[in-house]
Amino acid sequence: HQLARRFTGDRQGVGAIEFAILFP
């Protein structure tokens, strides 16, 4: 539960994921 909470609150790498989706 603590790990899931920390994962959902972490915003690092969101830009990279969005870029990976939009790049193609």
PDBML (XML) file of the C-alpha atoms, coordinates in Angstrom:
<?xml version="1.0" encoding="UTF-8" ?>
<PDBx:datablock datablockName="MODEL"
   xmlns:PDBx="http://pdbml.pdb.org/schema/pdbx-v50.xsd"
   xmlns:xsi="http://www.w3.org/2001/XMLSchema-instance"
   xsi:schemaLocation="http://pdbml.pdb.org/schema/pdbx-v50.xsd pdbx-v50.xsd">
   <PDBx:atom_siteCategory>
      <PDBx:atom_site id="1">
         <PDBx:B_iso_or_equiv>0.00</PDBx:B_iso_or_equiv>
         <PDBx:Cartn_x>0.000</PDBx:Cartn_x>
         <PDBx:Cartn_y>0.000</PDBx:Cartn_y>
         <PDBx:Cartn_z>0.000</PDBx:Cartn_z>
         <PDBx:auth_asym_id>A</PDBx:auth_asym_id>
         <PDBx:auth_atom_id>CA</PDBx:auth_atom_id>
         <PDBx:auth_comp_id>HIS</PDBx:auth_comp_id>
         <PDBx:auth_seq_id>1</PDBx:auth_seq_id>
         <PDBx:group_PDB>ATOM</PDBx:group_PDB>
         <PDBx:label_alt_id xsi:nil="true" />
         <PDBx:label_asym_id>A</PDBx:label_asym_id>
         <PDBx:label_atom_id>CA</PDBx:label_atom_id>
         <PDBx:label_comp_id>HIS</PDBx:label_comp_id>
         <PDBx:label_entity_id>1</PDBx:label_entity_id>
         <PDBx:label_seq_id>1</PDBx:label_seq_id>
         <PDBx:occupancy>1.00</PDBx:occupancy>
         <PDBx:pdbx_PDB_model_num>1</PDBx:pdbx_PDB_model_num>
         <PDBx:type_symbol>C</PDBx:type_symbol>
      </PDBx:atom_site>
      <PDBx:atom_site id="2">
         <PDBx:B_iso_or_equiv>0.00</PDBx:B_iso_or_equiv>
         <PDBx:Cartn_x>2.831</PDBx:Cartn_x>
         <PDBx:Cartn_y>2.399</PDBx:Cartn_y>
         <PDBx:Cartn_z>0.851</PDBx:Cartn_z>
         <PDBx:auth_asym_id>A</PDBx:auth_asym_id>
         <PDBx:auth_atom_id>CA</PDBx:auth_atom_id>
         <PDBx:auth_comp_id>GLN</PDBx:auth_comp_id>
         <PDBx:auth_seq_id>2</PDBx:auth_seq_id>
         <PDBx:group_PDB>ATOM</PDBx:group_PDB>
         <PDBx:label_alt_id xsi:nil="true" />
         <PDBx:label_asym_id>A</PDBx:label_asym_id>
         <PDBx:label_atom_id>CA</PDBx:label_atom_id>
         <PDBx:label_comp_id>GLN</PDBx:label_comp_id>
         <PDBx:label_entity_id>1</PDBx:label_entity_id>
         <PDBx:label_seq_id>2</PDBx:label_seq_id>
         <PDBx:occupancy>1.00</PDBx:occupancy>
         <PDBx:pdbx_PDB_model_num>1</PDBx:pdbx_PDB_model_num>
         <PDBx:type_symbol>C</PDBx:type_symbol>
      </PDBx:atom_site>
      <PDBx:atom_site id="3">
         <PDBx:B_iso_or_equiv>0.00</PDBx:B_iso_or_equiv>
         <PDBx:Cartn_x>4.677</PDBx:Cartn_x>
         <PDBx:Cartn_y>1.495</PDBx:Cartn_y>
         <PDBx:Cartn_z>-2.354</PDBx:Cartn_z>
         <PDBx:auth_asym_id>A</PDBx:auth_asym_id>
         <PDBx:auth_atom_id>CA</PDBx:auth_atom_id>
         <PDBx:auth_comp_id>LEU</PDBx:auth_comp_id>
         <PDBx:auth_seq_id>3</PDBx:auth_seq_id>
         <PDBx:group_PDB>ATOM</PDBx:group_PDB>
         <PDBx:label_alt_id xsi:nil="true" />
         <PDBx:label_asym_id>A</PDBx:label_asym_id>
         <PDBx:label_atom_id>CA</PDBx:label_atom_id>
         <PDBx:label_comp_id>LEU</PDBx:label_comp_id>
         <PDBx:label_entity_id>1</PDBx:label_entity_id>
         <PDBx:label_seq_id>3</PDBx:label_seq_id>
         <PDBx:occupancy>1.00</PDBx:occupancy>
         <PDBx:pdbx_PDB_model_num>1</PDBx:pdbx_PDB_model_num>
         <PDBx:type_symbol>C</PDBx:type_symbol>
      </PDBx:atom_site>
      <PDBx:atom_site id="4">
         <PDBx:B_iso_or_equiv>0.00</PDBx:B_iso_or_equiv>
         <PDBx:Cartn_x>1.542</PDBx:Cartn_x>
         <PDBx:Cartn_y>2.039</PDBx:Cartn_y>
         <PDBx:Cartn_z>-4.462</PDBx:Cartn_z>
         <PDBx:auth_asym_id>A</PDBx:auth_asym_id>
         <PDBx:auth_atom_id>CA</PDBx:auth_atom_id>
         <PDBx:auth_comp_id>ALA</PDBx:auth_comp_id>
         <PDBx:auth_seq_id>4</PDBx:auth_seq_id>
         <PDBx:group_PDB>ATOM</PDBx:group_PDB>
         <PDBx:label_alt_id xsi:nil="true" />
         <PDBx:label_asym_id>A</PDBx:label_asym_id>
         <PDBx:label_atom_id>CA</PDBx:label_atom_id>
         <PDBx:label_comp_id>ALA</PDBx:label_comp_id>
         <PDBx:label_entity_id>1</PDBx:label_entity_id>
         <PDBx:label_seq_id>4</PDBx:label_seq_id>
         <PDBx:occupancy>1.00</PDBx:occupancy>
         <PDBx:pdbx_PDB_model_num>1</PDBx:pdbx_PDB_model_num>
         <PDBx:type_symbol>C</PDBx:type_symbol>
      </PDBx:atom_site>
      <PDBx:atom_site id="5">
         <PDBx:B_iso_or_equiv>0.00</PDBx:B_iso_or_equiv>
         <PDBx:Cartn_x>0.908</PDBx:Cartn_x>
         <PDBx:Cartn_y>5.381</PDBx:Cartn_y>
         <PDBx:Cartn_z>-2.752</PDBx:Cartn_z>
         <PDBx:auth_asym_id>A</PDBx:auth_asym_id>
         <PDBx:auth_atom_id>CA</PDBx:auth_atom_id>
         <PDBx:auth_comp_id>ARG</PDBx:auth_comp_id>
         <PDBx:auth_seq_id>5</PDBx:auth_seq_id>
         <PDBx:group_PDB>ATOM</PDBx:group_PDB>
         <PDBx:label_alt_id xsi:nil="true" />
         <PDBx:label_asym_id>A</PDBx:label_asym_id>
         <PDBx:label_atom_id>CA</PDBx:label_atom_id>
         <PDBx:label_comp_id>ARG</PDBx:label_comp_id>
         <PDBx:label_entity_id>1</PDBx:label_entity_id>
         <PDBx:label_seq_id>5</PDBx:label_seq_id>
         <PDBx:occupancy>1.00</PDBx:occupancy>
         <PDBx:pdbx_PDB_model_num>1</PDBx:pdbx_PDB_model_num>
         <PDBx:type_symbol>C</PDBx:type_symbol>
      </PDBx:atom_site>
      <PDBx:atom_site id="6">
         <PDBx:B_iso_or_equiv>0.00</PDBx:B_iso_or_equiv>
         <PDBx:Cartn_x>4.478</PDBx:Cartn_x>
         <PDBx:Cartn_y>6.496</PDBx:Cartn_y>
         <PDBx:Cartn_z>-3.410</PDBx:Cartn_z>
         <PDBx:auth_asym_id>A</PDBx:auth_asym_id>
         <PDBx:auth_atom_id>CA</PDBx:auth_atom_id>
         <PDBx:auth_comp_id>ARG</PDBx:auth_comp_id>
         <PDBx:auth_seq_id>6</PDBx:auth_seq_id>
         <PDBx:group_PDB>ATOM</PDBx:group_PDB>
         <PDBx:label_alt_id xsi:nil="true" />
         <PDBx:label_asym_id>A</PDBx:label_asym_id>
         <PDBx:label_atom_id>CA</PDBx:label_atom_id>
         <PDBx:label_comp_id>ARG</PDBx:label_comp_id>
         <PDBx:label_entity_id>1</PDBx:label_entity_id>
         <PDBx:label_seq_id>6</PDBx:label_seq_id>
         <PDBx:occupancy>1.00</PDBx:occupancy>
         <PDBx:pdbx_PDB_model_num>1</PDBx:pdbx_PDB_model_num>
         <PDBx:type_symbol>C</PDBx:type_symbol>
      </PDBx:atom_site>
      <PDBx:atom_site id="7">
         <PDBx:B_iso_or_equiv>0.00</PDBx:B_iso_or_equiv>
         <PDBx:Cartn_x>4.274</PDBx:Cartn_x>
         <PDBx:Cartn_y>5.318</PDBx:Cartn_y>
         <PDBx:Cartn_z>-7.028</PDBx:Cartn_z>
         <PDBx:auth_asym_id>A</PDBx:auth_asym_id>
         <PDBx:auth_atom_id>CA</PDBx:auth_atom_id>
         <PDBx:auth_comp_id>PHE</PDBx:auth_comp_id>
         <PDBx:auth_seq_id>7</PDBx:auth_seq_id>
         <PDBx:group_PDB>ATOM</PDBx:group_PDB>
         <PDBx:label_alt_id xsi:nil="true" />
         <PDBx:label_asym_id>A</PDBx:label_asym_id>
         <PDBx:label_atom_id>CA</PDBx:label_atom_id>
         <PDBx:label_comp_id>PHE</PDBx:label_comp_id>
         <PDBx:label_entity_id>1</PDBx:label_entity_id>
         <PDBx:label_seq_id>7</PDBx:label_seq_id>
         <PDBx:occupancy>1.00</PDBx:occupancy>
         <PDBx:pdbx_PDB_model_num>1</PDBx:pdbx_PDB_model_num>
         <PDBx:type_symbol>C</PDBx:type_symbol>
      </PDBx:atom_site>
      <PDBx:atom_site id="8">
         <PDBx:B_iso_or_equiv>0.00</PDBx:B_iso_or_equiv>
         <PDBx:Cartn_x>1.029</PDBx:Cartn_x>
         <PDBx:Cartn_y>7.192</PDBx:Cartn_y>
         <PDBx:Cartn_z>-7.753</PDBx:Cartn_z>
         <PDBx:auth_asym_id>A</PDBx:auth_asym_id>
         <PDBx:auth_atom_id>CA</PDBx:auth_atom_id>
         <PDBx:auth_comp_id>THR</PDBx:auth_comp_id>
         <PDBx:auth_seq_id>8</PDBx:auth_seq_id>
         <PDBx:group_PDB>ATOM</PDBx:group_PDB>
         <PDBx:label_alt_id xsi:nil="true" />
         <PDBx:label_asym_id>A</PDBx:label_asym_id>
         <PDBx:label_atom_id>CA</PDBx:label_atom_id>
         <PDBx:label_comp_id>THR</PDBx:label_comp_id>
         <PDBx:label_entity_id>1</PDBx:label_entity_id>
         <PDBx:label_seq_id>8</PDBx:label_seq_id>
         <PDBx:occupancy>1.00</PDBx:occupancy>
         <PDBx:pdbx_PDB_model_num>1</PDBx:pdbx_PDB_model_num>
         <PDBx:type_symbol>C</PDBx:type_symbol>
      </PDBx:atom_site>
      <PDBx:atom_site id="9">
         <PDBx:B_iso_or_equiv>0.00</PDBx:B_iso_or_equiv>
         <PDBx:Cartn_x>2.370</PDBx:Cartn_x>
         <PDBx:Cartn_y>10.365</PDBx:Cartn_y>
         <PDBx:Cartn_z>-6.163</PDBx:Cartn_z>
         <PDBx:auth_asym_id>A</PDBx:auth_asym_id>
         <PDBx:auth_atom_id>CA</PDBx:auth_atom_id>
         <PDBx:auth_comp_id>GLY</PDBx:auth_comp_id>
         <PDBx:auth_seq_id>9</PDBx:auth_seq_id>
         <PDBx:group_PDB>ATOM</PDBx:group_PDB>
         <PDBx:label_alt_id xsi:nil="true" />
         <PDBx:label_asym_id>A</PDBx:label_asym_id>
         <PDBx:label_atom_id>CA</PDBx:label_atom_id>
         <PDBx:label_comp_id>GLY</PDBx:label_comp_id>
         <PDBx:label_entity_id>1</PDBx:label_entity_id>
         <PDBx:label_seq_id>9</PDBx:label_seq_id>
         <PDBx:occupancy>1.00</PDBx:occupancy>
         <PDBx:pdbx_PDB_model_num>1</PDBx:pdbx_PDB_model_num>
         <PDBx:type_symbol>C</PDBx:type_symbol>
      </PDBx:atom_site>
      <PDBx:atom_site id="10">
         <PDBx:B_iso_or_equiv>0.00</PDBx:B_iso_or_equiv>
         <PDBx:Cartn_x>5.679</PDBx:Cartn_x>
         <PDBx:Cartn_y>10.294</PDBx:Cartn_y>
         <PDBx:Cartn_z>-8.046</PDBx:Cartn_z>
         <PDBx:auth_asym_id>A</PDBx:auth_asym_id>
         <PDBx:auth_atom_id>CA</PDBx:auth_atom_id>
         <PDBx:auth_comp_id>ASP</PDBx:auth_comp_id>
         <PDBx:auth_seq_id>10</PDBx:auth_seq_id>
         <PDBx:group_PDB>ATOM</PDBx:group_PDB>
         <PDBx:label_alt_id xsi:nil="true" />
         <PDBx:label_asym_id>A</PDBx:label_asym_id>
         <PDBx:label_atom_id>CA</PDBx:label_atom_id>
         <PDBx:label_comp_id>ASP</PDBx:label_comp_id>
         <PDBx:label_entity_id>1</PDBx:label_entity_id>
         <PDBx:label_seq_id>10</PDBx:label_seq_id>
         <PDBx:occupancy>1.00</PDBx:occupancy>
         <PDBx:pdbx_PDB_model_num>1</PDBx:pdbx_PDB_model_num>
         <PDBx:type_symbol>C</PDBx:type_symbol>
      </PDBx:atom_site>
      <PDBx:atom_site id="11">
         <PDBx:B_iso_or_equiv>0.00</PDBx:B_iso_or_equiv>
         <PDBx:Cartn_x>5.652</PDBx:Cartn_x>
         <PDBx:Cartn_y>12.549</PDBx:Cartn_y>
         <PDBx:Cartn_z>-11.151</PDBx:Cartn_z>
         <PDBx:auth_asym_id>A</PDBx:auth_asym_id>
         <PDBx:auth_atom_id>CA</PDBx:auth_atom_id>
         <PDBx:auth_comp_id>ARG</PDBx:auth_comp_id>
         <PDBx:auth_seq_id>11</PDBx:auth_seq_id>
         <PDBx:group_PDB>ATOM</PDBx:group_PDB>
         <PDBx:label_alt_id xsi:nil="true" />
         <PDBx:label_asym_id>A</PDBx:label_asym_id>
         <PDBx:label_atom_id>CA</PDBx:label_atom_id>
         <PDBx:label_comp_id>ARG</PDBx:label_comp_id>
         <PDBx:label_entity_id>1</PDBx:label_entity_id>
         <PDBx:label_seq_id>11</PDBx:label_seq_id>
         <PDBx:occupancy>1.00</PDBx:occupancy>
         <PDBx:pdbx_PDB_model_num>1</PDBx:pdbx_PDB_model_num>
         <PDBx:type_symbol>C</PDBx:type_symbol>
      </PDBx:atom_site>
      <PDBx:atom_site id="12">
         <PDBx:B_iso_or_equiv>0.00</PDBx:B_iso_or_equiv>
         <PDBx:Cartn_x>9.203</PDBx:Cartn_x>
         <PDBx:Cartn_y>11.945</PDBx:Cartn_y>
         <PDBx:Cartn_z>-12.368</PDBx:Cartn_z>
         <PDBx:auth_asym_id>A</PDBx:auth_asym_id>
         <PDBx:auth_atom_id>CA</PDBx:auth_atom_id>
         <PDBx:auth_comp_id>GLN</PDBx:auth_comp_id>
         <PDBx:auth_seq_id>12</PDBx:auth_seq_id>
         <PDBx:group_PDB>ATOM</PDBx:group_PDB>
         <PDBx:label_alt_id xsi:nil="true" />
         <PDBx:label_asym_id>A</PDBx:label_asym_id>
         <PDBx:label_atom_id>CA</PDBx:label_atom_id>
         <PDBx:label_comp_id>GLN</PDBx:label_comp_id>
         <PDBx:label_entity_id>1</PDBx:label_entity_id>
         <PDBx:label_seq_id>12</PDBx:label_seq_id>
         <PDBx:occupancy>1.00</PDBx:occupancy>
         <PDBx:pdbx_PDB_model_num>1</PDBx:pdbx_PDB_model_num>
         <PDBx:type_symbol>C</PDBx:type_symbol>
      </PDBx:atom_site>
      <PDBx:atom_site id="13">
         <PDBx:B_iso_or_equiv>0.00</PDBx:B_iso_or_equiv>
         <PDBx:Cartn_x>9.330</PDBx:Cartn_x>
         <PDBx:Cartn_y>10.567</PDBx:Cartn_y>
         <PDBx:Cartn_z>-15.906</PDBx:Cartn_z>
         <PDBx:auth_asym_id>A</PDBx:auth_asym_id>
         <PDBx:auth_atom_id>CA</PDBx:auth_atom_id>
         <PDBx:auth_comp_id>GLY</PDBx:auth_comp_id>
         <PDBx:auth_seq_id>13</PDBx:auth_seq_id>
         <PDBx:group_PDB>ATOM</PDBx:group_PDB>
         <PDBx:label_alt_id xsi:nil="true" />
         <PDBx:label_asym_id>A</PDBx:label_asym_id>
         <PDBx:label_atom_id>CA</PDBx:label_atom_id>
         <PDBx:label_comp_id>GLY</PDBx:label_comp_id>
         <PDBx:label_entity_id>1</PDBx:label_entity_id>
         <PDBx:label_seq_id>13</PDBx:label_seq_id>
         <PDBx:occupancy>1.00</PDBx:occupancy>
         <PDBx:pdbx_PDB_model_num>1</PDBx:pdbx_PDB_model_num>
         <PDBx:type_symbol>C</PDBx:type_symbol>
      </PDBx:atom_site>
      <PDBx:atom_site id="14">
         <PDBx:B_iso_or_equiv>0.00</PDBx:B_iso_or_equiv>
         <PDBx:Cartn_x>5.792</PDBx:Cartn_x>
         <PDBx:Cartn_y>11.623</PDBx:Cartn_y>
         <PDBx:Cartn_z>-16.866</PDBx:Cartn_z>
         <PDBx:auth_asym_id>A</PDBx:auth_asym_id>
         <PDBx:auth_atom_id>CA</PDBx:auth_atom_id>
         <PDBx:auth_comp_id>VAL</PDBx:auth_comp_id>
         <PDBx:auth_seq_id>14</PDBx:auth_seq_id>
         <PDBx:group_PDB>ATOM</PDBx:group_PDB>
         <PDBx:label_alt_id xsi:nil="true" />
         <PDBx:label_asym_id>A</PDBx:label_asym_id>
         <PDBx:label_atom_id>CA</PDBx:label_atom_id>
         <PDBx:label_comp_id>VAL</PDBx:label_comp_id>
         <PDBx:label_entity_id>1</PDBx:label_entity_id>
         <PDBx:label_seq_id>14</PDBx:label_seq_id>
         <PDBx:occupancy>1.00</PDBx:occupancy>
         <PDBx:pdbx_PDB_model_num>1</PDBx:pdbx_PDB_model_num>
         <PDBx:type_symbol>C</PDBx:type_symbol>
      </PDBx:atom_site>
      <PDBx:atom_site id="15">
         <PDBx:B_iso_or_equiv>0.00</PDBx:B_iso_or_equiv>
         <PDBx:Cartn_x>7.161</PDBx:Cartn_x>
         <PDBx:Cartn_y>13.882</PDBx:Cartn_y>
         <PDBx:Cartn_z>-19.623</PDBx:Cartn_z>
         <PDBx:auth_asym_id>A</PDBx:auth_asym_id>
         <PDBx:auth_atom_id>CA</PDBx:auth_atom_id>
         <PDBx:auth_comp_id>GLY</PDBx:auth_comp_id>
         <PDBx:auth_seq_id>15</PDBx:auth_seq_id>
         <PDBx:group_PDB>ATOM</PDBx:group_PDB>
         <PDBx:label_alt_id xsi:nil="true" />
         <PDBx:label_asym_id>A</PDBx:label_asym_id>
         <PDBx:label_atom_id>CA</PDBx:label_atom_id>
         <PDBx:label_comp_id>GLY</PDBx:label_comp_id>
         <PDBx:label_entity_id>1</PDBx:label_entity_id>
         <PDBx:label_seq_id>15</PDBx:label_seq_id>
         <PDBx:occupancy>1.00</PDBx:occupancy>
         <PDBx:pdbx_PDB_model_num>1</PDBx:pdbx_PDB_model_num>
         <PDBx:type_symbol>C</PDBx:type_symbol>
      </PDBx:atom_site>
      <PDBx:atom_site id="16">
         <PDBx:B_iso_or_equiv>0.00</PDBx:B_iso_or_equiv>
         <PDBx:Cartn_x>9.251</PDBx:Cartn_x>
         <PDBx:Cartn_y>11.030</PDBx:Cartn_y>
         <PDBx:Cartn_z>-21.015</PDBx:Cartn_z>
         <PDBx:auth_asym_id>A</PDBx:auth_asym_id>
         <PDBx:auth_atom_id>CA</PDBx:auth_atom_id>
         <PDBx:auth_comp_id>ALA</PDBx:auth_comp_id>
         <PDBx:auth_seq_id>16</PDBx:auth_seq_id>
         <PDBx:group_PDB>ATOM</PDBx:group_PDB>
         <PDBx:label_alt_id xsi:nil="true" />
         <PDBx:label_asym_id>A</PDBx:label_asym_id>
         <PDBx:label_atom_id>CA</PDBx:label_atom_id>
         <PDBx:label_comp_id>ALA</PDBx:label_comp_id>
         <PDBx:label_entity_id>1</PDBx:label_entity_id>
         <PDBx:label_seq_id>16</PDBx:label_seq_id>
         <PDBx:occupancy>1.00</PDBx:occupancy>
         <PDBx:pdbx_PDB_model_num>1</PDBx:pdbx_PDB_model_num>
         <PDBx:type_symbol>C</PDBx:type_symbol>
      </PDBx:atom_site>
      <PDBx:atom_site id="17">
         <PDBx:B_iso_or_equiv>0.00</PDBx:B_iso_or_equiv>
         <PDBx:Cartn_x>6.244</PDBx:Cartn_x>
         <PDBx:Cartn_y>8.720</PDBx:Cartn_y>
         <PDBx:Cartn_z>-21.099</PDBx:Cartn_z>
         <PDBx:auth_asym_id>A</PDBx:auth_asym_id>
         <PDBx:auth_atom_id>CA</PDBx:auth_atom_id>
         <PDBx:auth_comp_id>ILE</PDBx:auth_comp_id>
         <PDBx:auth_seq_id>17</PDBx:auth_seq_id>
         <PDBx:group_PDB>ATOM</PDBx:group_PDB>
         <PDBx:label_alt_id xsi:nil="true" />
         <PDBx:label_asym_id>A</PDBx:label_asym_id>
         <PDBx:label_atom_id>CA</PDBx:label_atom_id>
         <PDBx:label_comp_id>ILE</PDBx:label_comp_id>
         <PDBx:label_entity_id>1</PDBx:label_entity_id>
         <PDBx:label_seq_id>17</PDBx:label_seq_id>
         <PDBx:occupancy>1.00</PDBx:occupancy>
         <PDBx:pdbx_PDB_model_num>1</PDBx:pdbx_PDB_model_num>
         <PDBx:type_symbol>C</PDBx:type_symbol>
      </PDBx:atom_site>
      <PDBx:atom_site id="18">
         <PDBx:B_iso_or_equiv>0.00</PDBx:B_iso_or_equiv>
         <PDBx:Cartn_x>4.089</PDBx:Cartn_x>
         <PDBx:Cartn_y>11.358</PDBx:Cartn_y>
         <PDBx:Cartn_z>-22.797</PDBx:Cartn_z>
         <PDBx:auth_asym_id>A</PDBx:auth_asym_id>
         <PDBx:auth_atom_id>CA</PDBx:auth_atom_id>
         <PDBx:auth_comp_id>GLU</PDBx:auth_comp_id>
         <PDBx:auth_seq_id>18</PDBx:auth_seq_id>
         <PDBx:group_PDB>ATOM</PDBx:group_PDB>
         <PDBx:label_alt_id xsi:nil="true" />
         <PDBx:label_asym_id>A</PDBx:label_asym_id>
         <PDBx:label_atom_id>CA</PDBx:label_atom_id>
         <PDBx:label_comp_id>GLU</PDBx:label_comp_id>
         <PDBx:label_entity_id>1</PDBx:label_entity_id>
         <PDBx:label_seq_id>18</PDBx:label_seq_id>
         <PDBx:occupancy>1.00</PDBx:occupancy>
         <PDBx:pdbx_PDB_model_num>1</PDBx:pdbx_PDB_model_num>
         <PDBx:type_symbol>C</PDBx:type_symbol>
      </PDBx:atom_site>
      <PDBx:atom_site id="19">
         <PDBx:B_iso_or_equiv>0.00</PDBx:B_iso_or_equiv>
         <PDBx:Cartn_x>6.849</PDBx:Cartn_x>
         <PDBx:Cartn_y>11.985</PDBx:Cartn_y>
         <PDBx:Cartn_z>-25.334</PDBx:Cartn_z>
         <PDBx:auth_asym_id>A</PDBx:auth_asym_id>
         <PDBx:auth_atom_id>CA</PDBx:auth_atom_id>
         <PDBx:auth_comp_id>PHE</PDBx:auth_comp_id>
         <PDBx:auth_seq_id>19</PDBx:auth_seq_id>
         <PDBx:group_PDB>ATOM</PDBx:group_PDB>
         <PDBx:label_alt_id xsi:nil="true" />
         <PDBx:label_asym_id>A</PDBx:label_asym_id>
         <PDBx:label_atom_id>CA</PDBx:label_atom_id>
         <PDBx:label_comp_id>PHE</PDBx:label_comp_id>
         <PDBx:label_entity_id>1</PDBx:label_entity_id>
         <PDBx:label_seq_id>19</PDBx:label_seq_id>
         <PDBx:occupancy>1.00</PDBx:occupancy>
         <PDBx:pdbx_PDB_model_num>1</PDBx:pdbx_PDB_model_num>
         <PDBx:type_symbol>C</PDBx:type_symbol>
      </PDBx:atom_site>
      <PDBx:atom_site id="20">
         <PDBx:B_iso_or_equiv>0.00</PDBx:B_iso_or_equiv>
         <PDBx:Cartn_x>7.177</PDBx:Cartn_x>
         <PDBx:Cartn_y>8.247</PDBx:Cartn_y>
         <PDBx:Cartn_z>-26.010</PDBx:Cartn_z>
         <PDBx:auth_asym_id>A</PDBx:auth_asym_id>
         <PDBx:auth_atom_id>CA</PDBx:auth_atom_id>
         <PDBx:auth_comp_id>ALA</PDBx:auth_comp_id>
         <PDBx:auth_seq_id>20</PDBx:auth_seq_id>
         <PDBx:group_PDB>ATOM</PDBx:group_PDB>
         <PDBx:label_alt_id xsi:nil="true" />
         <PDBx:label_asym_id>A</PDBx:label_asym_id>
         <PDBx:label_atom_id>CA</PDBx:label_atom_id>
         <PDBx:label_comp_id>ALA</PDBx:label_comp_id>
         <PDBx:label_entity_id>1</PDBx:label_entity_id>
         <PDBx:label_seq_id>20</PDBx:label_seq_id>
         <PDBx:occupancy>1.00</PDBx:occupancy>
         <PDBx:pdbx_PDB_model_num>1</PDBx:pdbx_PDB_model_num>
         <PDBx:type_symbol>C</PDBx:type_symbol>
      </PDBx:atom_site>
      <PDBx:atom_site id="21">
         <PDBx:B_iso_or_equiv>0.00</PDBx:B_iso_or_equiv>
         <PDBx:Cartn_x>3.449</PDBx:Cartn_x>
         <PDBx:Cartn_y>8.103</PDBx:Cartn_y>
         <PDBx:Cartn_z>-26.714</PDBx:Cartn_z>
         <PDBx:auth_asym_id>A</PDBx:auth_asym_id>
         <PDBx:auth_atom_id>CA</PDBx:auth_atom_id>
         <PDBx:auth_comp_id>ILE</PDBx:auth_comp_id>
         <PDBx:auth_seq_id>21</PDBx:auth_seq_id>
         <PDBx:group_PDB>ATOM</PDBx:group_PDB>
         <PDBx:label_alt_id xsi:nil="true" />
         <PDBx:label_asym_id>A</PDBx:label_asym_id>
         <PDBx:label_atom_id>CA</PDBx:label_atom_id>
         <PDBx:label_comp_id>ILE</PDBx:label_comp_id>
         <PDBx:label_entity_id>1</PDBx:label_entity_id>
         <PDBx:label_seq_id>21</PDBx:label_seq_id>
         <PDBx:occupancy>1.00</PDBx:occupancy>
         <PDBx:pdbx_PDB_model_num>1</PDBx:pdbx_PDB_model_num>
         <PDBx:type_symbol>C</PDBx:type_symbol>
      </PDBx:atom_site>
      <PDBx:atom_site id="22">
         <PDBx:B_iso_or_equiv>0.00</PDBx:B_iso_or_equiv>
         <PDBx:Cartn_x>3.376</PDBx:Cartn_x>
         <PDBx:Cartn_y>11.192</PDBx:Cartn_y>
         <PDBx:Cartn_z>-28.955</PDBx:Cartn_z>
         <PDBx:auth_asym_id>A</PDBx:auth_asym_id>
         <PDBx:auth_atom_id>CA</PDBx:auth_atom_id>
         <PDBx:auth_comp_id>LEU</PDBx:auth_comp_id>
         <PDBx:auth_seq_id>22</PDBx:auth_seq_id>
         <PDBx:group_PDB>ATOM</PDBx:group_PDB>
         <PDBx:label_alt_id xsi:nil="true" />
         <PDBx:label_asym_id>A</PDBx:label_asym_id>
         <PDBx:label_atom_id>CA</PDBx:label_atom_id>
         <PDBx:label_comp_id>LEU</PDBx:label_comp_id>
         <PDBx:label_entity_id>1</PDBx:label_entity_id>
         <PDBx:label_seq_id>22</PDBx:label_seq_id>
         <PDBx:occupancy>1.00</PDBx:occupancy>
         <PDBx:pdbx_PDB_model_num>1</PDBx:pdbx_PDB_model_num>
         <PDBx:type_symbol>C</PDBx:type_symbol>
      </PDBx:atom_site>
      <PDBx:atom_site id="23">
         <PDBx:B_iso_or_equiv>0.00</PDBx:B_iso_or_equiv>
         <PDBx:Cartn_x>6.687</PDBx:Cartn_x>
         <PDBx:Cartn_y>10.704</PDBx:Cartn_y>
         <PDBx:Cartn_z>-30.798</PDBx:Cartn_z>
         <PDBx:auth_asym_id>A</PDBx:auth_asym_id>
         <PDBx:auth_atom_id>CA</PDBx:auth_atom_id>
         <PDBx:auth_comp_id>PHE</PDBx:auth_comp_id>
         <PDBx:auth_seq_id>23</PDBx:auth_seq_id>
         <PDBx:group_PDB>ATOM</PDBx:group_PDB>
         <PDBx:label_alt_id xsi:nil="true" />
         <PDBx:label_asym_id>A</PDBx:label_asym_id>
         <PDBx:label_atom_id>CA</PDBx:label_atom_id>
         <PDBx:label_comp_id>PHE</PDBx:label_comp_id>
         <PDBx:label_entity_id>1</PDBx:label_entity_id>
         <PDBx:label_seq_id>23</PDBx:label_seq_id>
         <PDBx:occupancy>1.00</PDBx:occupancy>
         <PDBx:pdbx_PDB_model_num>1</PDBx:pdbx_PDB_model_num>
         <PDBx:type_symbol>C</PDBx:type_symbol>
      </PDBx:atom_site>
      <PDBx:atom_site id="24">
         <PDBx:B_iso_or_equiv>0.00</PDBx:B_iso_or_equiv>
         <PDBx:Cartn_x>5.455</PDBx:Cartn_x>
         <PDBx:Cartn_y>8.130</PDBx:Cartn_y>
         <PDBx:Cartn_z>-33.369</PDBx:Cartn_z>
         <PDBx:auth_asym_id>A</PDBx:auth_asym_id>
         <PDBx:auth_atom_id>CA</PDBx:auth_atom_id>
         <PDBx:auth_comp_id>PRO</PDBx:auth_comp_id>
         <PDBx:auth_seq_id>24</PDBx:auth_seq_id>
         <PDBx:group_PDB>ATOM</PDBx:group_PDB>
         <PDBx:label_alt_id xsi:nil="true" />
         <PDBx:label_asym_id>A</PDBx:label_asym_id>
         <PDBx:label_atom_id>CA</PDBx:label_atom_id>
         <PDBx:label_comp_id>PRO</PDBx:label_comp_id>
         <PDBx:label_entity_id>1</PDBx:label_entity_id>
         <PDBx:label_seq_id>24</PDBx:label_seq_id>
         <PDBx:occupancy>1.00</PDBx:occupancy>
         <PDBx:pdbx_PDB_model_num>1</PDBx:pdbx_PDB_model_num>
         <PDBx:type_symbol>C</PDBx:type_symbol>
      </PDBx:atom_site>
   </PDBx:atom_siteCategory>
</PDBx:datablock>
